[in-house]
């Protein structure tokens, strides 16, 4: 698992919105799943929270991932879930 900045291009094409999400990789290193709401930090100690925050900061130095590309790769339907009441 790693943190990545995701451009939420499916939520509002006219207004750019970004989120830090957890991205999961398969055995070959390819993205296989992501958690749109995965940026909530919980840990056993404050030091582990600091480690996660550092991981999130480092995510801003990596290329931004498009949500639509994650949806295609993972065959996820997160956008539909967001739109449903």
Protein backbone atom coordinates (compact mmCIF):
# COMPACT_ATOMS: atom_id res chain seq x y z
CA UNK A 1 0.00 0.00 0.00
CA UNK A 2 1.12 3.53 -0.68
CA UNK A 3 -0.49 6.94 -0.58
CA UNK A 4 -1.06 8.76 -3.87
CA UNK A 5 -2.66 12.02 -4.85
CA UNK A 6 -5.72 11.24 -6.95
CA UNK A 7 -7.40 13.76 -9.25
CA UNK A 8 -11.10 13.17 -8.68
CA UNK A 9 -11.93 13.82 -12.30
CA UNK A 10 -15.18 11.83 -12.13
CA UNK A 11 -16.71 13.90 -9.33
CA UNK A 12 -16.72 17.33 -10.97
CA UNK A 13 -14.95 17.78 -14.32
CA UNK A 14 -15.34 21.57 -14.14
CA UNK A 15 -13.69 22.03 -10.74
CA UNK A 16 -10.42 20.22 -10.02
CA UNK A 17 -10.49 18.29 -6.76
CA UNK A 18 -7.68 16.17 -5.38
CA UNK A 19 -7.50 13.65 -2.52
CA UNK A 20 -4.80 11.58 -0.88
CA UNK A 21 -5.89 7.95 -1.20
CA UNK A 22 -4.50 4.57 -0.31
CA UNK A 23 -3.45 2.69 -3.46
CA UNK A 24 -2.81 -1.04 -3.37
CA UNK A 25 -0.57 -3.04 -5.71
CA UNK A 26 -0.62 -6.65 -6.86
CA UNK A 27 2.42 -8.95 -6.83
CA UNK A 28 3.70 -7.42 -10.07
CA UNK A 29 3.57 -3.88 -8.67
CA UNK A 30 0.55 -2.83 -10.73
CA UNK A 31 -2.30 -0.93 -9.08
CA UNK A 32 -5.12 -3.34 -8.32
CA UNK A 33 -7.31 -1.41 -5.86
CA UNK A 34 -7.67 1.96 -4.19
CA UNK A 35 -9.62 3.43 -1.30
CA UNK A 36 -11.19 6.76 -2.14
CA UNK A 37 -11.77 7.59 1.52
CA UNK A 38 -8.53 6.02 2.73
CA UNK A 39 -6.82 9.15 4.04
CA UNK A 40 -8.16 8.92 7.59
CA UNK A 41 -5.22 8.25 9.88
CA UNK A 42 -5.51 5.77 12.71
CA UNK A 43 -2.56 4.08 14.38
CA UNK A 44 -1.41 2.46 17.59
CA UNK A 45 0.93 5.33 18.53
CA UNK A 46 1.49 9.00 17.72
CA UNK A 47 4.81 8.02 16.10
CA UNK A 48 2.96 5.74 13.67
CA UNK A 49 0.57 8.59 12.84
CA UNK A 50 3.62 10.77 12.08
CA UNK A 51 4.95 8.03 9.80
CA UNK A 52 1.64 7.94 7.88
CA UNK A 53 1.61 11.73 7.60
CA UNK A 54 5.12 11.62 6.14
CA UNK A 55 3.95 9.00 3.64
CA UNK A 56 1.09 11.30 2.64
CA UNK A 57 3.46 14.25 2.25
CA UNK A 58 5.68 12.15 -0.02
CA UNK A 59 2.62 11.31 -2.14
CA UNK A 60 2.52 14.96 -3.24
CA UNK A 61 5.93 14.45 -4.88
CA UNK A 62 4.72 11.57 -7.08
CA UNK A 63 2.71 11.85 -10.31
CA UNK A 64 -1.00 12.49 -9.78
CA UNK A 65 -3.25 9.54 -10.61
CA UNK A 66 -6.57 10.11 -12.39
CA UNK A 67 -9.58 8.64 -10.62
CA UNK A 68 -11.00 7.58 -13.99
CA UNK A 69 -7.82 5.58 -14.66
CA UNK A 70 -8.05 3.92 -11.24
CA UNK A 71 -11.68 3.06 -11.94
CA UNK A 72 -10.67 1.46 -15.26
CA UNK A 73 -7.74 -0.47 -13.76
CA UNK A 74 -9.60 -1.73 -10.69
CA UNK A 75 -13.01 -2.23 -12.31
CA UNK A 76 -14.36 -0.28 -9.36
CA UNK A 77 -17.62 1.59 -9.26
CA UNK A 78 -16.74 4.20 -6.65
CA UNK A 79 -18.17 7.05 -8.73
CA UNK A 80 -21.57 5.35 -8.87
CA UNK A 81 -21.43 4.75 -5.14
CA UNK A 82 -20.78 8.46 -4.54
CA UNK A 83 -23.73 9.48 -6.70
CA UNK A 84 -26.25 7.07 -5.14
CA UNK A 85 -28.35 8.39 -2.24
